[in-house]
Amino acid sequence: MVDNNTMMEFGKCIECGAKETDGLTCYEMFQFPLVWEHNDPELYALHFWLVSSYMIQHPSNFTEEGFKLMVNLFTEAYDNEWQTDYILRKNRELVSKIDKITNPLPNNKRKRIYRNWSMTIDDVYAGGEENAINKIKKWKEQVRRDLEK
């Protein structure tokens, strides 16, 4: 199964390993918490962590330089416990210094390398809206640990 952002084979994302759930790709599952956060300011406060965790697990969406920027920003923000407004300000500053963040290649031409992550978007999706805050907090912690491996 292919959508505009991910490729699934044998019921799993070939890049992050998320399991297809309810017939949805990992990108389609990612859309759910993006909608849920509009109903909950506390959940919306985790938007950076939701998006960056997903994107770090899908490096094919970025240029090499854009991916390094995302990982470095995520790591610095996590390790230094930055507040959201500071993270966003820092992101704007860093992004303005590079040419291109997103991969210009069409989806079907991107090189994808599988990496085994201890938690992916299917874990957030499966927990439902009522557990999204706790799941996203756990996800960011797991992504940070996995980045050290």
C-alpha atoms as a PDB file:
ATOM      1  CA  MET A   1       0.000   0.000   0.000  1.00  0.00           C
ATOM      2  CA  VAL A   2       1.310   3.461  -0.885  1.00  0.00           C
ATOM      3  CA  ASP A   3       0.084   6.890   0.105  1.00  0.00           C
ATOM      4  CA  ASN A   4       1.789  10.176  -0.676  1.00  0.00           C
ATOM      5  CA  ASN A   5       4.182   9.918   2.245  1.00  0.00           C
ATOM      6  CA  THR A   6       4.805   6.294   3.189  1.00  0.00           C
ATOM      7  CA  MET A   7       5.145   2.842   1.712  1.00  0.00           C
ATOM      8  CA  MET A   8       3.677  -0.175   3.433  1.00  0.00           C
ATOM      9  CA  GLU A   9       4.631  -3.757   2.628  1.00  0.00           C
ATOM     10  CA  PHE A  10       3.258  -6.851   4.305  1.00  0.00           C
ATOM     11  CA  GLY A  11       1.244  -4.669   6.685  1.00  0.00           C
ATOM     12  CA  LYS A  12       4.203  -2.594   7.907  1.00  0.00           C
ATOM     13  CA  CYS A  13       5.801   0.718   7.003  1.00  0.00           C
ATOM     14  CA  ILE A  14       9.067  -0.059   5.219  1.00  0.00           C
ATOM     15  CA  GLU A  15      10.728   2.873   6.971  1.00  0.00           C
ATOM     16  CA  CYS A  16       9.480   3.027  10.593  1.00  0.00           C
ATOM     17  CA  GLY A  17       7.957  -0.437  10.957  1.00  0.00           C
ATOM     18  CA  ALA A  18       4.535   0.772  12.142  1.00  0.00           C
ATOM     19  CA  LYS A  19       1.887  -1.902  11.763  1.00  0.00           C
ATOM     20  CA  GLU A  20      -1.029  -1.165   9.449  1.00  0.00           C
ATOM     21  CA  THR A  21      -4.044  -0.688  11.716  1.00  0.00           C
ATOM     22  CA  ASP A  22      -7.680  -0.432  10.647  1.00  0.00           C
ATOM     23  CA  GLY A  23      -6.423  -0.509   7.053  1.00  0.00           C
ATOM     24  CA  LEU A  24      -4.442   2.717   7.602  1.00  0.00           C
ATOM     25  CA  THR A  25      -0.837   3.490   6.677  1.00  0.00           C
ATOM     26  CA  CYS A  26       1.374   5.098   9.283  1.00  0.00           C
ATOM     27  CA  TYR A  27       0.883   8.483   7.575  1.00  0.00           C
ATOM     28  CA  GLU A  28      -2.889   8.073   7.716  1.00  0.00           C
ATOM     29  CA  MET A  29      -2.698   7.142  11.419  1.00  0.00           C
ATOM     30  CA  PHE A  30      -0.544  10.258  11.969  1.00  0.00           C
ATOM     31  CA  GLN A  31      -3.459  12.416  10.765  1.00  0.00           C
ATOM     32  CA  PHE A  32      -5.654  11.350  13.700  1.00  0.00           C
ATOM     33  CA  PRO A  33      -3.677  12.986  16.535  1.00  0.00           C
ATOM     34  CA  LEU A  34      -3.279  16.067  14.334  1.00  0.00           C
ATOM     35  CA  VAL A  35      -7.078  16.335  14.369  1.00  0.00           C
ATOM     36  CA  TRP A  36      -7.424  15.375  18.037  1.00  0.00           C
ATOM     37  CA  GLU A  37      -5.086  18.158  19.125  1.00  0.00           C
ATOM     38  CA  HIS A  38      -7.562  20.757  17.841  1.00  0.00           C
ATOM     39  CA  ASN A  39      -9.965  19.624  20.566  1.00  0.00           C
ATOM     40  CA  ASP A  40      -7.453  19.760  23.410  1.00  0.00           C
ATOM     41  CA  PRO A  41      -4.974  22.593  24.164  1.00  0.00           C
ATOM     42  CA  GLU A  42      -2.904  20.262  26.382  1.00  0.00           C
ATOM     43  CA  LEU A  43      -2.548  17.836  23.485  1.00  0.00           C
ATOM     44  CA  TYR A  44      -1.836  20.681  21.053  1.00  0.00           C
ATOM     45  CA  ALA A  45       1.039  21.755  23.315  1.00  0.00           C
ATOM     46  CA  LEU A  46       2.737  18.489  22.279  1.00  0.00           C
ATOM     47  CA  HIS A  47       2.449  19.247  18.539  1.00  0.00           C
ATOM     48  CA  PHE A  48       6.209  19.646  18.051  1.00  0.00           C
ATOM     49  CA  TRP A  49       6.876  16.282  19.713  1.00  0.00           C
ATOM     50  CA  LEU A  50       4.165  14.541  17.695  1.00  0.00           C
ATOM     51  CA  VAL A  51       5.391  15.882  14.368  1.00  0.00           C
ATOM     52  CA  SER A  52       9.115  15.585  15.019  1.00  0.00           C
ATOM     53  CA  SER A  53       8.814  12.022  16.368  1.00  0.00           C
ATOM     54  CA  TYR A  54       6.945  10.993  13.241  1.00  0.00           C
ATOM     55  CA  MET A  55       9.306  12.809  10.890  1.00  0.00           C
ATOM     56  CA  ILE A  56      12.472  11.475  12.540  1.00  0.00           C
ATOM     57  CA  GLN A  57      11.132   7.994  11.882  1.00  0.00           C
ATOM     58  CA  HIS A  58      10.644   8.878   8.193  1.00  0.00           C
ATOM     59  CA  PRO A  59      13.932  10.455   7.086  1.00  0.00           C
ATOM     60  CA  SER A  60      13.098   9.940   3.407  1.00  0.00           C
ATOM     61  CA  ASN A  61      10.806  12.977   3.712  1.00  0.00           C
ATOM     62  CA  PHE A  62      13.841  15.232   4.260  1.00  0.00           C
ATOM     63  CA  THR A  63      17.011  16.329   2.598  1.00  0.00           C
ATOM     64  CA  GLU A  64      20.055  15.069   4.486  1.00  0.00           C
ATOM     65  CA  GLU A  65      20.602  18.554   5.902  1.00  0.00           C
ATOM     66  CA  GLY A  66      16.923  18.916   6.849  1.00  0.00           C
ATOM     67  CA  PHE A  67      16.933  15.572   8.644  1.00  0.00           C
ATOM     68  CA  LYS A  68      20.060  16.450  10.634  1.00  0.00           C
ATOM     69  CA  LEU A  69      18.440  19.734  11.620  1.00  0.00           C
ATOM     70  CA  MET A  70      15.291  17.942  12.855  1.00  0.00           C
ATOM     71  CA  VAL A  71      17.252  15.365  14.869  1.00  0.00           C
ATOM     72  CA  ASN A  72      19.508  18.017  16.400  1.00  0.00           C
ATOM     73  CA  LEU A  73      16.567  20.265  17.297  1.00  0.00           C
ATOM     74  CA  PHE A  74      14.632  17.334  18.796  1.00  0.00           C
ATOM     75  CA  THR A  75      17.655  16.196  20.812  1.00  0.00           C
ATOM     76  CA  GLU A  76      18.548  19.671  22.073  1.00  0.00           C
ATOM     77  CA  ALA A  77      14.923  20.453  22.948  1.00  0.00           C
ATOM     78  CA  TYR A  78      14.493  17.152  24.785  1.00  0.00           C
ATOM     79  CA  ASP A  79      17.815  17.195  26.630  1.00  0.00           C
ATOM     80  CA  ASN A  80      17.442  20.830  27.684  1.00  0.00           C
ATOM     81  CA  GLU A  81      13.685  20.650  28.389  1.00  0.00           C
ATOM     82  CA  TRP A  82      12.973  23.618  26.137  1.00  0.00           C
ATOM     83  CA  GLN A  83       9.530  25.173  26.202  1.00  0.00           C
ATOM     84  CA  THR A  84       7.449  24.979  23.022  1.00  0.00           C
ATOM     85  CA  ASP A  85       7.701  28.678  22.154  1.00  0.00           C
ATOM     86  CA  TYR A  86      11.502  28.484  22.342  1.00  0.00           C
ATOM     87  CA  ILE A  87      11.585  25.299  20.235  1.00  0.00           C
ATOM     88  CA  LEU A  88       9.505  26.954  17.516  1.00  0.00           C
ATOM     89  CA  ARG A  89      11.617  30.117  17.560  1.00  0.00           C
ATOM     90  CA  LYS A  90      14.811  28.036  17.349  1.00  0.00           C
ATOM     91  CA  ASN A  91      13.303  25.966  14.519  1.00  0.00           C
ATOM     92  CA  ARG A  92      12.505  29.092  12.462  1.00  0.00           C
ATOM     93  CA  GLU A  93      16.024  30.380  13.043  1.00  0.00           C
ATOM     94  CA  LEU A  94      17.675  27.108  11.981  1.00  0.00           C
ATOM     95  CA  VAL A  95      15.416  26.505   8.981  1.00  0.00           C
ATOM     96  CA  SER A  96      16.232  29.935   7.578  1.00  0.00           C
ATOM     97  CA  LYS A  97      19.894  28.899   7.369  1.00  0.00           C
ATOM     98  CA  ILE A  98      19.470  25.926   5.027  1.00  0.00           C
ATOM     99  CA  ASP A  99      18.325  25.716   1.427  1.00  0.00           C
ATOM    100  CA  LYS A 100      15.782  22.929   1.504  1.00  0.00           C
ATOM    101  CA  ILE A 101      14.335  20.816   4.297  1.00  0.00           C
ATOM    102  CA  THR A 102      11.928  18.516   2.515  1.00  0.00           C
ATOM    103  CA  ASN A 103      13.011  15.925  -0.009  1.00  0.00           C
ATOM    104  CA  PRO A 104      12.231  17.218  -3.514  1.00  0.00           C
ATOM    105  CA  LEU A 105      12.124  13.703  -5.013  1.00  0.00           C
ATOM    106  CA  PRO A 106       8.720  12.171  -5.740  1.00  0.00           C
ATOM    107  CA  ASN A 107       7.585   9.690  -3.095  1.00  0.00           C
ATOM    108  CA  ASN A 108       8.242   6.615  -5.265  1.00  0.00           C
ATOM    109  CA  LYS A 109      11.845   7.719  -5.998  1.00  0.00           C
ATOM    110  CA  ARG A 110      12.933   8.247  -2.380  1.00  0.00           C
ATOM    111  CA  LYS A 111      15.440   5.943  -0.752  1.00  0.00           C
ATOM    112  CA  ARG A 112      13.989   4.353   2.370  1.00  0.00           C
ATOM    113  CA  ILE A 113      15.986   2.536   5.001  1.00  0.00           C
ATOM    114  CA  TYR A 114      14.200   0.490   7.633  1.00  0.00           C
ATOM    115  CA  ARG A 115      15.024   1.173  11.258  1.00  0.00           C
ATOM    116  CA  ASN A 116      13.542  -0.716  14.174  1.00  0.00           C
ATOM    117  CA  TRP A 117      11.934   1.822  16.527  1.00  0.00           C
ATOM    118  CA  SER A 118      10.666   0.796  19.944  1.00  0.00           C
ATOM    119  CA  MET A 119       7.486   2.884  19.478  1.00  0.00           C
ATOM    120  CA  THR A 120       5.789   4.290  16.370  1.00  0.00           C
ATOM    121  CA  ILE A 121       2.642   6.175  15.391  1.00  0.00           C
ATOM    122  CA  ASP A 122       0.559   2.998  15.463  1.00  0.00           C
ATOM    123  CA  ASP A 123       1.065   2.915  19.246  1.00  0.00           C
ATOM    124  CA  VAL A 124      -0.282   6.474  19.561  1.00  0.00           C
ATOM    125  CA  TYR A 125      -3.188   5.772  17.208  1.00  0.00           C
ATOM    126  CA  ALA A 126      -4.129   2.505  18.955  1.00  0.00           C
ATOM    127  CA  GLY A 127      -4.361   4.328  22.297  1.00  0.00           C
ATOM    128  CA  GLY A 128      -7.086   6.597  20.939  1.00  0.00           C
ATOM    129  CA  GLU A 129      -7.733  10.249  21.607  1.00  0.00           C
ATOM    130  CA  GLU A 130      -8.224   9.752  25.352  1.00  0.00           C
ATOM    131  CA  ASN A 131      -4.665   8.395  25.742  1.00  0.00           C
ATOM    132  CA  ALA A 132      -2.927  10.572  23.144  1.00  0.00           C
ATOM    133  CA  ILE A 133      -1.199  12.902  25.609  1.00  0.00           C
ATOM    134  CA  ASN A 134       0.436  10.081  27.552  1.00  0.00           C
ATOM    135  CA  LYS A 135       1.276   8.151  24.392  1.00  0.00           C
ATOM    136  CA  ILE A 136       2.966  11.152  22.721  1.00  0.00           C
ATOM    137  CA  LYS A 137       4.975  11.886  25.868  1.00  0.00           C
ATOM    138  CA  LYS A 138       6.107   8.265  25.963  1.00  0.00           C
ATOM    139  CA  TRP A 139       6.824   8.310  22.217  1.00  0.00           C
ATOM    140  CA  LYS A 140       9.145  11.313  22.462  1.00  0.00           C
ATOM    141  CA  GLU A 141      11.041   9.565  25.288  1.00  0.00           C
ATOM    142  CA  GLN A 142      11.362   6.382  23.233  1.00  0.00           C
ATOM    143  CA  VAL A 143      12.514   8.267  20.139  1.00  0.00           C
ATOM    144  CA  ARG A 144      15.150  10.030  22.218  1.00  0.00           C
ATOM    145  CA  ARG A 145      16.403   6.719  23.629  1.00  0.00           C
ATOM    146  CA  ASP A 146      16.372   5.103  20.191  1.00  0.00           C
ATOM    147  CA  LEU A 147      18.405   7.961  18.722  1.00  0.00           C
ATOM    148  CA  GLU A 148      21.216   7.088  21.143  1.00  0.00           C
ATOM    149  CA  LYS A 149      21.480   3.534  19.775  1.00  0.00           C
END
